[in-house]
């Protein structure tokens, strides 16, 4: 499982900042504020993502994506749980892989493999199969939100 300690923190913080988010590194063995799952899983409070060195990158990206898909006024209200709907959750699963491609040394393939290892479940048996063959609704949702280019299925980075 790829963790925050394995990647460039500054590159990750810079990527999230492009979407109006802050990334705060929590000290080792300290509780992660706003963590829905506890343990080493990333947390959310407002427009801030909290993670430790042992936080899985897929967890950090997943939680960040929940904030990315929300308008700023709704972000301010988030504490721990940001999911609004099944459609949003599906979109977040696709978006986190796209953000993985935007980070040096990460990539979508690694994010998707780590999602499988963590225990995500999809009808087609893997996160990769979901993104490639079963996520049309998520791609449409992301396109309507202005986060992906629909024809090419590529991430649209702000700024």
Foldseek 3Di string as FASTA:
>chain_A
DAFQLNFDVVLVQVQLVLLVAGEDEDEPPDWAFQAQVTDQAWHAAQRYIYGYRGHHLLRSQLVSLLLSLDDNVLSNVDGNDRDDDPLSSLLSLLVSQLVQCVGPPGHSVNSFVVCVVVPDQDPVGTSVCCNVPPRPSSLVSCVVSVQADNVVRHGDGHD
